[in-house]
PDB file of N, CA and C in Angstrom:
ATOM      1  N   UNK A   1      64.331  53.044  58.065  1.00  0.00           N
ATOM      2  CA  UNK A   1      65.297  53.625  58.962  1.00  0.00           C
ATOM      3  C   UNK A   1      66.690  53.239  58.480  1.00  0.00           C
ATOM      4  N   UNK A   2      67.611  54.192  58.515  1.00  0.00           N
ATOM      5  CA  UNK A   2      68.950  53.904  58.006  1.00  0.00           C
ATOM      6  C   UNK A   2      69.798  53.237  59.083  1.00  0.00           C
ATOM      7  N   UNK A   3      70.804  52.568  58.647  1.00  0.00           N
ATOM      8  CA  UNK A   3      71.689  51.855  59.563  1.00  0.00           C
ATOM      9  C   UNK A   3      72.807  52.768  60.021  1.00  0.00           C
ATOM     10  N   UNK A   4      73.362  52.465  61.118  1.00  0.00           N
ATOM     11  CA  UNK A   4      74.469  53.240  61.663  1.00  0.00           C
ATOM     12  C   UNK A   4      75.709  52.998  60.806  1.00  0.00           C
ATOM     13  N   UNK A   5      76.438  54.055  60.400  1.00  0.00           N
ATOM     14  CA  UNK A   5      77.613  53.857  59.537  1.00  0.00           C
ATOM     15  C   UNK A   5      78.714  53.034  60.208  1.00  0.00           C
ATOM     16  N   UNK A   6      78.726  52.981  61.522  1.00  0.00           N
ATOM     17  CA  UNK A   6      79.745  52.173  62.191  1.00  0.00           C
ATOM     18  C   UNK A   6      79.492  50.685  61.993  1.00  0.00           C
ATOM     19  N   UNK A   7      78.255  50.357  61.643  1.00  0.00           N
ATOM     20  CA  UNK A   7      77.918  48.948  61.446  1.00  0.00           C
ATOM     21  C   UNK A   7      78.306  48.435  60.067  1.00  0.00           C
ATOM     22  N   UNK A   8      78.691  49.345  59.164  1.00  0.00           N
ATOM     23  CA  UNK A   8      79.068  48.919  57.812  1.00  0.00           C
ATOM     24  C   UNK A   8      80.256  47.973  57.888  1.00  0.00           C
ATOM     25  N   UNK A   9      80.177  46.912  57.224  1.00  0.00           N
ATOM     26  CA  UNK A   9      81.272  45.958  57.146  1.00  0.00           C
ATOM     27  C   UNK A   9      81.298  45.000  58.318  1.00  0.00           C
ATOM     28  N   UNK A  10      80.410  45.163  59.277  1.00  0.00           N
ATOM     29  CA  UNK A  10      80.408  44.219  60.390  1.00  0.00           C
ATOM     30  C   UNK A  10      79.562  43.013  60.001  1.00  0.00           C
ATOM     31  N   UNK A  11      79.807  41.948  60.644  1.00  0.00           N
ATOM     32  CA  UNK A  11      79.087  40.728  60.291  1.00  0.00           C
ATOM     33  C   UNK A  11      78.007  40.418  61.333  1.00  0.00           C
ATOM     34  N   UNK A  12      77.474  41.455  61.977  1.00  0.00           N
ATOM     35  CA  UNK A  12      76.374  41.365  62.936  1.00  0.00           C
ATOM     36  C   UNK A  12      76.687  40.476  64.131  1.00  0.00           C
ATOM     37  N   UNK A  13      77.959  40.265  64.405  1.00  0.00           N
ATOM     38  CA  UNK A  13      78.331  39.532  65.604  1.00  0.00           C
ATOM     39  C   UNK A  13      78.710  40.552  66.677  1.00  0.00           C
ATOM     40  N   UNK A  14      78.347  40.302  67.894  1.00  0.00           N
ATOM     41  CA  UNK A  14      78.763  41.217  68.963  1.00  0.00           C
ATOM     42  C   UNK A  14      80.279  41.122  69.158  1.00  0.00           C
ATOM     43  N   UNK A  15      80.898  42.204  69.578  1.00  0.00           N
ATOM     44  CA  UNK A  15      82.354  42.150  69.789  1.00  0.00           C
ATOM     45  C   UNK A  15      82.683  41.177  70.925  1.00  0.00           C
ATOM     46  N   UNK A  16      83.857  40.624  70.837  1.00  0.00           N
ATOM     47  CA  UNK A  16      84.256  39.661  71.866  1.00  0.00           C
ATOM     48  C   UNK A  16      84.602  40.412  73.151  1.00  0.00           C
ATOM     49  N   UNK A  17      84.679  39.665  74.208  1.00  0.00           N
ATOM     50  CA  UNK A  17      84.981  40.263  75.499  1.00  0.00           C
ATOM     51  C   UNK A  17      86.388  40.863  75.506  1.00  0.00           C
ATOM     52  N   UNK A  18      87.307  40.236  74.781  1.00  0.00           N
ATOM     53  CA  UNK A  18      88.671  40.762  74.695  1.00  0.00           C
ATOM     54  C   UNK A  18      88.694  42.098  73.959  1.00  0.00           C
ATOM     55  N   UNK A  19      87.898  42.228  72.887  1.00  0.00           N
ATOM     56  CA  UNK A  19      87.820  43.493  72.157  1.00  0.00           C
ATOM     57  C   UNK A  19      87.254  44.602  73.045  1.00  0.00           C
ATOM     58  N   UNK A  20      86.218  44.267  73.784  1.00  0.00           N
ATOM     59  CA  UNK A  20      85.624  45.260  74.678  1.00  0.00           C
ATOM     60  C   UNK A  20      86.596  45.677  75.783  1.00  0.00           C
ATOM     61  N   UNK A  21      87.334  44.702  76.314  1.00  0.00           N
ATOM     62  CA  UNK A  21      88.321  44.989  77.358  1.00  0.00           C
ATOM     63  C   UNK A  21      89.417  45.906  76.817  1.00  0.00           C
ATOM     64  N   UNK A  22      89.878  45.648  75.603  1.00  0.00           N
ATOM     65  CA  UNK A  22      90.926  46.475  74.994  1.00  0.00           C
ATOM     66  C   UNK A  22      90.417  47.901  74.757  1.00  0.00           C
ATOM     67  N   UNK A  23      89.174  48.023  74.268  1.00  0.00           N
ATOM     68  CA  UNK A  23      88.602  49.358  74.057  1.00  0.00           C
ATOM     69  C   UNK A  23      88.442  50.118  75.368  1.00  0.00           C
ATOM     70  N   UNK A  24      88.025  49.413  76.413  1.00  0.00           N
ATOM     71  CA  UNK A  24      87.855  50.034  77.718  1.00  0.00           C
ATOM     72  C   UNK A  24      89.194  50.512  78.277  1.00  0.00           C
ATOM     73  N   UNK A  25      90.232  49.679  78.154  1.00  0.00           N
ATOM     74  CA  UNK A  25      91.557  50.075  78.629  1.00  0.00           C
ATOM     75  C   UNK A  25      92.101  51.265  77.847  1.00  0.00           C
ATOM     76  N   UNK A  26      91.861  51.283  76.546  1.00  0.00           N
ATOM     77  CA  UNK A  26      92.305  52.395  75.712  1.00  0.00           C
ATOM     78  C   UNK A  26      91.609  53.693  76.120  1.00  0.00           C
ATOM     79  N   UNK A  27      90.307  53.604  76.346  1.00  0.00           N
ATOM     80  CA  UNK A  27      89.546  54.784  76.766  1.00  0.00           C
ATOM     81  C   UNK A  27      90.016  55.269  78.129  1.00  0.00           C
ATOM     82  N   UNK A  28      90.248  54.366  79.049  1.00  0.00           N
ATOM     83  CA  UNK A  28      90.715  54.741  80.385  1.00  0.00           C
ATOM     84  C   UNK A  28      92.065  55.447  80.311  1.00  0.00           C
ATOM     85  N   UNK A  29      92.961  54.935  79.480  1.00  0.00           N
ATOM     86  CA  UNK A  29      94.277  55.560  79.340  1.00  0.00           C
ATOM     87  C   UNK A  29      94.162  56.960  78.741  1.00  0.00           C
ATOM     88  N   UNK A  30      93.296  57.133  77.734  1.00  0.00           N
ATOM     89  CA  UNK A  30      93.116  58.460  77.134  1.00  0.00           C
ATOM     90  C   UNK A  30      92.497  59.441  78.114  1.00  0.00           C
ATOM     91  N   UNK A  31      91.516  58.990  78.885  1.00  0.00           N
ATOM     92  CA  UNK A  31      90.886  59.867  79.875  1.00  0.00           C
ATOM     93  C   UNK A  31      91.871  60.266  80.963  1.00  0.00           C
ATOM     94  N   UNK A  32      92.661  59.314  81.410  1.00  0.00           N
ATOM     95  CA  UNK A  32      93.651  59.617  82.440  1.00  0.00           C
ATOM     96  C   UNK A  32      94.675  60.632  81.933  1.00  0.00           C
ATOM     97  N   UNK A  33      95.122  60.459  80.697  1.00  0.00           N
ATOM     98  CA  UNK A  33      96.093  61.391  80.121  1.00  0.00           C
ATOM     99  C   UNK A  33      95.494  62.788  79.991  1.00  0.00           C
ATOM    100  N   UNK A  34      94.249  62.878  79.579  1.00  0.00           N
ATOM    101  CA  UNK A  34      93.605  64.180  79.394  1.00  0.00           C
ATOM    102  C   UNK A  34      93.353  64.873  80.731  1.00  0.00           C
ATOM    103  N   UNK A  35      92.892  64.154  81.733  1.00  0.00           N
ATOM    104  CA  UNK A  35      92.601  64.783  83.019  1.00  0.00           C
ATOM    105  C   UNK A  35      93.866  65.160  83.759  1.00  0.00           C
ATOM    106  N   UNK A  36      94.934  64.396  83.617  1.00  0.00           N
ATOM    107  CA  UNK A  36      96.173  64.745  84.307  1.00  0.00           C
ATOM    108  C   UNK A  36      96.814  65.979  83.678  1.00  0.00           C
ATOM    109  N   UNK A  37      96.592  66.240  82.411  1.00  0.00           N
ATOM    110  CA  UNK A  37      97.131  67.424  81.755  1.00  0.00           C
ATOM    111  C   UNK A  37      96.358  68.673  82.146  1.00  0.00           C
ATOM    112  N   UNK A  38      95.048  68.562  82.367  1.00  0.00           N
ATOM    113  CA  UNK A  38      94.228  69.743  82.593  1.00  0.00           C
ATOM    114  C   UNK A  38      94.131  70.156  84.048  1.00  0.00           C
ATOM    115  N   UNK A  39      94.563  69.329  84.996  1.00  0.00           N
ATOM    116  CA  UNK A  39      94.464  69.666  86.406  1.00  0.00           C
ATOM    117  C   UNK A  39      95.595  70.604  86.797  1.00  0.00           C
ATOM    118  N   UNK A  40      95.280  71.694  87.520  1.00  0.00           N
ATOM    119  CA  UNK A  40      96.333  72.592  87.980  1.00  0.00           C
ATOM    120  C   UNK A  40      97.136  71.948  89.101  1.00  0.00           C
ATOM    121  N   UNK A  41      98.366  72.419  89.271  1.00  0.00           N
ATOM    122  CA  UNK A  41      99.238  71.845  90.284  1.00  0.00           C
ATOM    123  C   UNK A  41      98.990  72.436  91.663  1.00  0.00           C
ATOM    124  N   UNK A  42      98.344  73.613  91.732  1.00  0.00           N
ATOM    125  CA  UNK A  42      98.134  74.304  92.997  1.00  0.00           C
ATOM    126  C   UNK A  42      97.116  73.606  93.868  1.00  0.00           C
ATOM    127  N   UNK A  43      96.998  74.116  95.092  1.00  0.00           N
ATOM    128  CA  UNK A  43      96.027  73.512  96.000  1.00  0.00           C
ATOM    129  C   UNK A  43      94.613  73.800  95.534  1.00  0.00           C
ATOM    130  N   UNK A  44      93.732  72.859  95.795  1.00  0.00           N
ATOM    131  CA  UNK A  44      92.345  73.027  95.394  1.00  0.00           C
ATOM    132  C   UNK A  44      91.586  73.699  96.532  1.00  0.00           C
ATOM    133  N   UNK A  45      90.802  74.710  96.192  1.00  0.00           N
ATOM    134  CA  UNK A  45      89.991  75.398  97.193  1.00  0.00           C
ATOM    135  C   UNK A  45      88.544  75.296  96.780  1.00  0.00           C
ATOM    136  N   UNK A  46      87.693  75.399  97.756  1.00  0.00           N
ATOM    137  CA  UNK A  46      86.267  75.321  97.447  1.00  0.00           C
ATOM    138  C   UNK A  46      85.760  76.680  97.006  1.00  0.00           C
ATOM    139  N   UNK A  47      84.604  76.712  96.401  1.00  0.00           N
ATOM    140  CA  UNK A  47      84.003  77.964  95.956  1.00  0.00           C
ATOM    141  C   UNK A  47      83.560  78.835  97.110  1.00  0.00           C
ATOM    142  N   UNK A  48      83.402  78.248  98.301  1.00  0.00           N
ATOM    143  CA  UNK A  48      82.962  79.023  99.453  1.00  0.00           C
ATOM    144  C   UNK A  48      84.015  80.026  99.899  1.00  0.00           C
ATOM    145  N   UNK A  49      85.271  79.735  99.684  1.00  0.00           N
ATOM    146  CA  UNK A  49      86.323  80.673 100.060  1.00  0.00           C
ATOM    147  C   UNK A  49      86.225  81.937  99.209  1.00  0.00           C
ATOM    148  N   UNK A  50      85.896  81.787  97.946  1.00  0.00           N
ATOM    149  CA  UNK A  50      85.737  82.953  97.076  1.00  0.00           C
ATOM    150  C   UNK A  50      84.543  83.792  97.462  1.00  0.00           C
ATOM    151  N   UNK A  51      83.461  83.139  97.868  1.00  0.00           N
ATOM    152  CA  UNK A  51      82.275  83.879  98.307  1.00  0.00           C
ATOM    153  C   UNK A  51      82.595  84.658  99.569  1.00  0.00           C
ATOM    154  N   UNK A  52      83.303  84.040 100.501  1.00  0.00           N
ATOM    155  CA  UNK A  52      83.683  84.719 101.733  1.00  0.00           C
ATOM    156  C   UNK A  52      84.571  85.917 101.478  1.00  0.00           C
ATOM    157  N   UNK A  53      85.515  85.758 100.549  1.00  0.00           N
ATOM    158  CA  UNK A  53      86.407  86.865 100.221  1.00  0.00           C
ATOM    159  C   UNK A  53      85.622  88.011  99.579  1.00  0.00           C
ATOM    160  N   UNK A  54      84.695  87.681  98.698  1.00  0.00           N
ATOM    161  CA  UNK A  54      83.890  88.722  98.056  1.00  0.00           C
ATOM    162  C   UNK A  54      83.014  89.467  99.053  1.00  0.00           C
ATOM    163  N   UNK A  55      82.422  88.732  99.982  1.00  0.00           N
ATOM    164  CA  UNK A  55      81.609  89.385 101.011  1.00  0.00           C
ATOM    165  C   UNK A  55      82.456  90.272 101.903  1.00  0.00           C
ATOM    166  N   UNK A  56      83.656  89.830 102.204  1.00  0.00           N
ATOM    167  CA  UNK A  56      84.526  90.655 103.040  1.00  0.00           C
ATOM    168  C   UNK A  56      84.909  91.942 102.325  1.00  0.00           C
ATOM    169  N   UNK A  57      85.247  91.846 101.055  1.00  0.00           N
ATOM    170  CA  UNK A  57      85.622  93.048 100.311  1.00  0.00           C
ATOM    171  C   UNK A  57      84.443  94.009 100.202  1.00  0.00           C
ATOM    172  N   UNK A  58      83.263  93.465  99.964  1.00  0.00           N
ATOM    173  CA  UNK A  58      82.072  94.318  99.891  1.00  0.00           C
ATOM    174  C   UNK A  58      81.778  94.993 101.217  1.00  0.00           C
ATOM    175  N   UNK A  59      81.946  94.266 102.305  1.00  0.00           N
ATOM    176  CA  UNK A  59      81.708  94.827 103.629  1.00  0.00           C
ATOM    177  C   UNK A  59      82.716  95.922 103.946  1.00  0.00           C
ATOM    178  N   UNK A  60      83.970  95.721 103.563  1.00  0.00           N
ATOM    179  CA  UNK A  60      84.996  96.749 103.776  1.00  0.00           C
ATOM    180  C   UNK A  60      84.602  98.051 103.081  1.00  0.00           C
ATOM    181  N   UNK A  61      84.119  97.935 101.861  1.00  0.00           N
ATOM    182  CA  UNK A  61      83.759  99.132 101.104  1.00  0.00           C
ATOM    183  C   UNK A  61      82.538  99.815 101.699  1.00  0.00           C
ATOM    184  N   UNK A  62      81.490  99.073 101.978  1.00  0.00           N
ATOM    185  CA  UNK A  62      80.253  99.644 102.513  1.00  0.00           C
ATOM    186  C   UNK A  62      80.500 100.276 103.878  1.00  0.00           C
ATOM    187  N   UNK A  63      81.335  99.650 104.702  1.00  0.00           N
ATOM    188  CA  UNK A  63      81.638 100.204 106.016  1.00  0.00           C
ATOM    189  C   UNK A  63      82.313 101.566 105.896  1.00  0.00           C
ATOM    190  N   UNK A  64      83.242 101.695 104.988  1.00  0.00           N
ATOM    191  CA  UNK A  64      83.917 102.983 104.790  1.00  0.00           C
ATOM    192  C   UNK A  64      82.950 104.070 104.363  1.00  0.00           C
ATOM    193  N   UNK A  65      82.062 103.747 103.446  1.00  0.00           N
ATOM    194  CA  UNK A  65      81.082 104.736 102.960  1.00  0.00           C
ATOM    195  C   UNK A  65      80.107 105.104 104.081  1.00  0.00           C
ATOM    196  N   UNK A  66      79.623 104.132 104.835  1.00  0.00           N
ATOM    197  CA  UNK A  66      78.665 104.426 105.908  1.00  0.00           C
ATOM    198  C   UNK A  66      79.287 105.242 107.036  1.00  0.00           C
ATOM    199  N   UNK A  67      80.516 104.944 107.396  1.00  0.00           N
ATOM    200  CA  UNK A  67      81.192 105.724 108.431  1.00  0.00           C
ATOM    201  C   UNK A  67      81.390 107.159 107.953  1.00  0.00           C
ATOM    202  N   UNK A  68      81.805 107.328 106.717  1.00  0.00           N
ATOM    203  CA  UNK A  68      81.963 108.681 106.172  1.00  0.00           C
ATOM    204  C   UNK A  68      80.648 109.442 106.150  1.00  0.00           C
ATOM    205  N   UNK A  69      79.568 108.769 105.753  1.00  0.00           N
ATOM    206  CA  UNK A  69      78.262 109.423 105.720  1.00  0.00           C
ATOM    207  C   UNK A  69      77.802 109.779 107.131  1.00  0.00           C
ATOM    208  N   UNK A  70      78.051 108.892 108.093  1.00  0.00           N
ATOM    209  CA  UNK A  70      77.674 109.174 109.480  1.00  0.00           C
ATOM    210  C   UNK A  70      78.416 110.362 110.047  1.00  0.00           C
ATOM    211  N   UNK A  71      79.708 110.426 109.819  1.00  0.00           N
ATOM    212  CA  UNK A  71      80.499 111.564 110.298  1.00  0.00           C
ATOM    213  C   UNK A  71      80.018 112.848 109.629  1.00  0.00           C
ATOM    214  N   UNK A  72      79.755 112.784 108.329  1.00  0.00           N
ATOM    215  CA  UNK A  72      79.251 113.964 107.617  1.00  0.00           C
ATOM    216  C   UNK A  72      77.912 114.435 108.154  1.00  0.00           C
ATOM    217  N   UNK A  73      77.044 113.493 108.482  1.00  0.00           N
ATOM    218  CA  UNK A  73      75.738 113.865 109.037  1.00  0.00           C
ATOM    219  C   UNK A  73      75.899 114.568 110.385  1.00  0.00           C
ATOM    220  N   UNK A  74      76.777 114.019 111.263  1.00  0.00           N
ATOM    221  CA  UNK A  74      77.001 114.650 112.561  1.00  0.00           C
ATOM    222  C   UNK A  74      77.617 116.035 112.408  1.00  0.00           C
ATOM    223  N   UNK A  75      78.566 116.179 111.503  1.00  0.00           N
ATOM    224  CA  UNK A  75      79.185 117.491 111.275  1.00  0.00           C
ATOM    225  C   UNK A  75      78.131 118.487 110.804  1.00  0.00           C
ATOM    226  N   UNK A  76      77.292 118.074 109.867  1.00  0.00           N
ATOM    227  CA  UNK A  76      76.237 118.967 109.373  1.00  0.00           C
ATOM    228  C   UNK A  76      75.241 119.322 110.471  1.00  0.00           C
ATOM    229  N   UNK A  77      74.898 118.373 111.278  1.00  0.00           N
ATOM    230  CA  UNK A  77      73.883 118.594 112.320  1.00  0.00           C
ATOM    231  C   UNK A  77      74.382 119.558 113.398  1.00  0.00           C
ATOM    232  N   UNK A  78      75.623 119.390 113.827  1.00  0.00           N
ATOM    233  CA  UNK A  78      76.122 120.208 114.933  1.00  0.00           C
ATOM    234  C   UNK A  78      76.799 121.496 114.464  1.00  0.00           C
ATOM    235  N   UNK A  79      77.331 121.528 113.255  1.00  0.00           N
ATOM    236  CA  UNK A  79      78.000 122.739 112.761  1.00  0.00           C
ATOM    237  C   UNK A  79      77.087 123.563 111.869  1.00  0.00           C
ATOM    238  N   UNK A  80      75.971 123.000 111.457  1.00  0.00           N
ATOM    239  CA  UNK A  80      75.038 123.726 110.597  1.00  0.00           C
ATOM    240  C   UNK A  80      75.593 123.989 109.202  1.00  0.00           C
ATOM    241  N   UNK A  81      76.358 123.073 108.683  1.00  0.00           N
ATOM    242  CA  UNK A  81      76.989 123.274 107.368  1.00  0.00           C
ATOM    243  C   UNK A  81      76.327 122.437 106.278  1.00  0.00           C
ATOM    244  N   UNK A  82      75.074 122.037 106.480  1.00  0.00           N
ATOM    245  CA  UNK A  82      74.387 121.153 105.530  1.00  0.00           C
ATOM    246  C   UNK A  82      74.384 121.768 104.141  1.00  0.00           C
ATOM    247  N   UNK A  83      74.608 121.024 103.113  1.00  0.00           N
ATOM    248  CA  UNK A  83      74.943 119.602 102.954  1.00  0.00           C
ATOM    249  C   UNK A  83      76.426 119.367 102.748  1.00  0.00           C
ATOM    250  N   UNK A  84      77.248 120.395 103.029  1.00  0.00           N
ATOM    251  CA  UNK A  84      78.661 120.297 102.661  1.00  0.00           C
ATOM    252  C   UNK A  84      79.439 119.276 103.490  1.00  0.00           C
ATOM    253  N   UNK A  85      79.146 119.155 104.764  1.00  0.00           N
ATOM    254  CA  UNK A  85      79.826 118.152 105.586  1.00  0.00           C
ATOM    255  C   UNK A  85      79.521 116.749 105.101  1.00  0.00           C
ATOM    256  N   UNK A  86      78.247 116.520 104.765  1.00  0.00           N
ATOM    257  CA  UNK A  86      77.851 115.195 104.263  1.00  0.00           C
ATOM    258  C   UNK A  86      78.549 114.879 102.948  1.00  0.00           C
ATOM    259  N   UNK A  87      78.613 115.825 102.051  1.00  0.00           N
ATOM    260  CA  UNK A  87      79.254 115.601 100.747  1.00  0.00           C
ATOM    261  C   UNK A  87      80.732 115.306 100.923  1.00  0.00           C
ATOM    262  N   UNK A  88      81.415 116.135 101.718  1.00  0.00           N
ATOM    263  CA  UNK A  88      82.858 115.971 101.895  1.00  0.00           C
ATOM    264  C   UNK A  88      83.176 114.636 102.566  1.00  0.00           C
ATOM    265  N   UNK A  89      82.470 114.346 103.655  1.00  0.00           N
ATOM    266  CA  UNK A  89      82.790 113.121 104.380  1.00  0.00           C
ATOM    267  C   UNK A  89      82.295 111.875 103.653  1.00  0.00           C
ATOM    268  N   UNK A  90      81.255 111.995 102.854  1.00  0.00           N
ATOM    269  CA  UNK A  90      80.829 110.858 102.038  1.00  0.00           C
ATOM    270  C   UNK A  90      81.909 110.521 101.008  1.00  0.00           C
ATOM    271  N   UNK A  91      82.497 111.544 100.396  1.00  0.00           N
ATOM    272  CA  UNK A  91      83.593 111.303  99.450  1.00  0.00           C
ATOM    273  C   UNK A  91      84.819 110.738 100.158  1.00  0.00           C
ATOM    274  N   UNK A  92      85.107 111.252 101.360  1.00  0.00           N
ATOM    275  CA  UNK A  92      86.234 110.703 102.127  1.00  0.00           C
ATOM    276  C   UNK A  92      85.959 109.249 102.527  1.00  0.00           C
ATOM    277  N   UNK A  93      84.722 108.941 102.871  1.00  0.00           N
ATOM    278  CA  UNK A  93      84.356 107.566 103.199  1.00  0.00           C
ATOM    279  C   UNK A  93      84.490 106.645 101.993  1.00  0.00           C
ATOM    280  N   UNK A  94      84.109 107.153 100.827  1.00  0.00           N
ATOM    281  CA  UNK A  94      84.269 106.381  99.594  1.00  0.00           C
ATOM    282  C   UNK A  94      85.748 106.075  99.354  1.00  0.00           C
ATOM    283  N   UNK A  95      86.595 107.100  99.510  1.00  0.00           N
ATOM    284  CA  UNK A  95      88.035 106.896  99.308  1.00  0.00           C
ATOM    285  C   UNK A  95      88.598 105.916 100.340  1.00  0.00           C
ATOM    286  N   UNK A  96      88.148 106.028 101.582  1.00  0.00           N
ATOM    287  CA  UNK A  96      88.623 105.100 102.613  1.00  0.00           C
ATOM    288  C   UNK A  96      88.151 103.677 102.316  1.00  0.00           C
ATOM    289  N   UNK A  97      86.924 103.531 101.825  1.00  0.00           N
ATOM    290  CA  UNK A  97      86.408 102.211 101.470  1.00  0.00           C
ATOM    291  C   UNK A  97      87.212 101.581 100.354  1.00  0.00           C
ATOM    292  N   UNK A  98      87.544 102.360  99.341  1.00  0.00           N
ATOM    293  CA  UNK A  98      88.358 101.840  98.235  1.00  0.00           C
ATOM    294  C   UNK A  98      89.738 101.433  98.742  1.00  0.00           C
ATOM    295  N   UNK A  99      90.332 102.276  99.596  1.00  0.00           N
ATOM    296  CA  UNK A  99      91.654 101.956 100.167  1.00  0.00           C
ATOM    297  C   UNK A  99      91.587 100.658 100.978  1.00  0.00           C
ATOM    298  N   UNK A 100      90.533 100.491 101.777  1.00  0.00           N
ATOM    299  CA  UNK A 100      90.390  99.271 102.571  1.00  0.00           C
ATOM    300  C   UNK A 100      90.217  98.042 101.688  1.00  0.00           C
ATOM    301  N   UNK A 101      89.470  98.164 100.600  1.00  0.00           N
ATOM    302  CA  UNK A 101      89.278  97.035  99.691  1.00  0.00           C
ATOM    303  C   UNK A 101      90.598  96.649  99.036  1.00  0.00           C
ATOM    304  N   UNK A 102      91.369  97.629  98.631  1.00  0.00           N
ATOM    305  CA  UNK A 102      92.665  97.341  98.002  1.00  0.00           C
ATOM    306  C   UNK A 102      93.591  96.638  98.990  1.00  0.00           C
ATOM    307  N   UNK A 103      93.615  97.117 100.238  1.00  0.00           N
ATOM    308  CA  UNK A 103      94.468  96.478 101.242  1.00  0.00           C
ATOM    309  C   UNK A 103      93.987  95.062 101.552  1.00  0.00           C
ATOM    310  N   UNK A 104      92.691  94.876 101.705  1.00  0.00           N
ATOM    311  CA  UNK A 104      92.164  93.545 102.020  1.00  0.00           C
ATOM    312  C   UNK A 104      92.411  92.574 100.866  1.00  0.00           C
ATOM    313  N   UNK A 105      92.255  93.041  99.636  1.00  0.00           N
ATOM    314  CA  UNK A 105      92.517  92.179  98.478  1.00  0.00           C
ATOM    315  C   UNK A 105      93.990  91.805  98.416  1.00  0.00           C
ATOM    316  N   UNK A 106      94.857  92.731  98.755  1.00  0.00           N
ATOM    317  CA  UNK A 106      96.287  92.426  98.800  1.00  0.00           C
ATOM    318  C   UNK A 106      96.611  91.389  99.853  1.00  0.00           C
ATOM    319  N   UNK A 107      95.948  91.478 101.010  1.00  0.00           N
ATOM    320  CA  UNK A 107      96.172  90.479 102.061  1.00  0.00           C
ATOM    321  C   UNK A 107      95.657  89.116 101.625  1.00  0.00           C
ATOM    322  N   UNK A 108      94.536  89.089 100.918  1.00  0.00           N
ATOM    323  CA  UNK A 108      93.997  87.810 100.448  1.00  0.00           C
ATOM    324  C   UNK A 108      94.927  87.147  99.445  1.00  0.00           C
ATOM    325  N   UNK A 109      95.587  87.953  98.624  1.00  0.00           N
ATOM    326  CA  UNK A 109      96.493  87.413  97.607  1.00  0.00           C
ATOM    327  C   UNK A 109      97.905  87.210  98.134  1.00  0.00           C
ATOM    328  N   UNK A 110      98.161  87.639  99.362  1.00  0.00           N
ATOM    329  CA  UNK A 110      99.501  87.484  99.928  1.00  0.00           C
ATOM    330  C   UNK A 110     100.464  88.539  99.424  1.00  0.00           C
ATOM    331  N   UNK A 111      99.965  89.613  98.841  1.00  0.00           N
ATOM    332  CA  UNK A 111     100.811  90.686  98.343  1.00  0.00           C
ATOM    333  C   UNK A 111     100.975  91.751  99.417  1.00  0.00           C
ATOM    334  N   UNK A 112     101.765  92.745  99.113  1.00  0.00           N
ATOM    335  CA  UNK A 112     101.937  93.858 100.022  1.00  0.00           C
ATOM    336  C   UNK A 112     100.732  94.795  99.914  1.00  0.00           C
ATOM    337  N   UNK A 113     100.368  95.375 101.030  1.00  0.00           N
ATOM    338  CA  UNK A 113      99.288  96.355 101.052  1.00  0.00           C
ATOM    339  C   UNK A 113      99.772  97.690 100.528  1.00  0.00           C
ATOM    340  N   UNK A 114      98.912  98.686 100.528  1.00  0.00           N
ATOM    341  CA  UNK A 114      99.289  99.996 100.010  1.00  0.00           C
ATOM    342  C   UNK A 114     100.252 100.714 100.951  1.00  0.00           C
ATOM    343  N   UNK A 115     100.385 100.230 102.202  1.00  0.00           N
ATOM    344  CA  UNK A 115     101.321 100.841 103.135  1.00  0.00           C
ATOM    345  C   UNK A 115     102.749 100.294 102.948  1.00  0.00           C
ATOM    346  N   UNK A 116     102.940  99.349 102.039  1.00  0.00           N
ATOM    347  CA  UNK A 116     104.264  98.839 101.725  1.00  0.00           C
ATOM    348  C   UNK A 116     104.717  97.694 102.604  1.00  0.00           C
ATOM    349  N   UNK A 117     103.950  97.369 103.638  1.00  0.00           N
ATOM    350  CA  UNK A 117     104.325  96.278 104.537  1.00  0.00           C
ATOM    351  C   UNK A 117     103.785  94.953 104.007  1.00  0.00           C
ATOM    352  N   UNK A 118     104.512  93.912 104.292  1.00  0.00           N
ATOM    353  CA  UNK A 118     104.087  92.569 103.881  1.00  0.00           C
ATOM    354  C   UNK A 118     102.864  92.185 104.687  1.00  0.00           C
ATOM    355  N   UNK A 119     101.839  91.688 103.983  1.00  0.00           N
ATOM    356  CA  UNK A 119     100.614  91.285 104.645  1.00  0.00           C
ATOM    357  C   UNK A 119     100.865  90.061 105.502  1.00  0.00           C
ATOM    358  N   UNK A 120     100.142  89.961 106.613  1.00  0.00           N
ATOM    359  CA  UNK A 120     100.322  88.836 107.529  1.00  0.00           C
ATOM    360  C   UNK A 120      99.339  87.752 107.255  1.00  0.00           C
TER     361      UNK A 120
END
């Protein structure tokens, strides 16, 4: 079995306690310097906030599509215009869902919504 190259030139004595203390302090200083450089200055948030925001955006979109499909179904059923009411209102629901997602995402980021007003 080969010897470790770091052991070359050593006299098989264990390092002194002072040497170990100096190495430990050096490592601690390097780690502290590296972690303080890589940490962002902004507030720290948990991953659960991102999951909640994603679920809200998804719900906004699905709600718009389902409402549009429901209105289209009622229009087709009572006006006898099948399938044109469903197609038209499904597309309108899709557009409304996209608009709602854009507005909700703007509110989450603190930006202005598509209506030009500052989000609350």
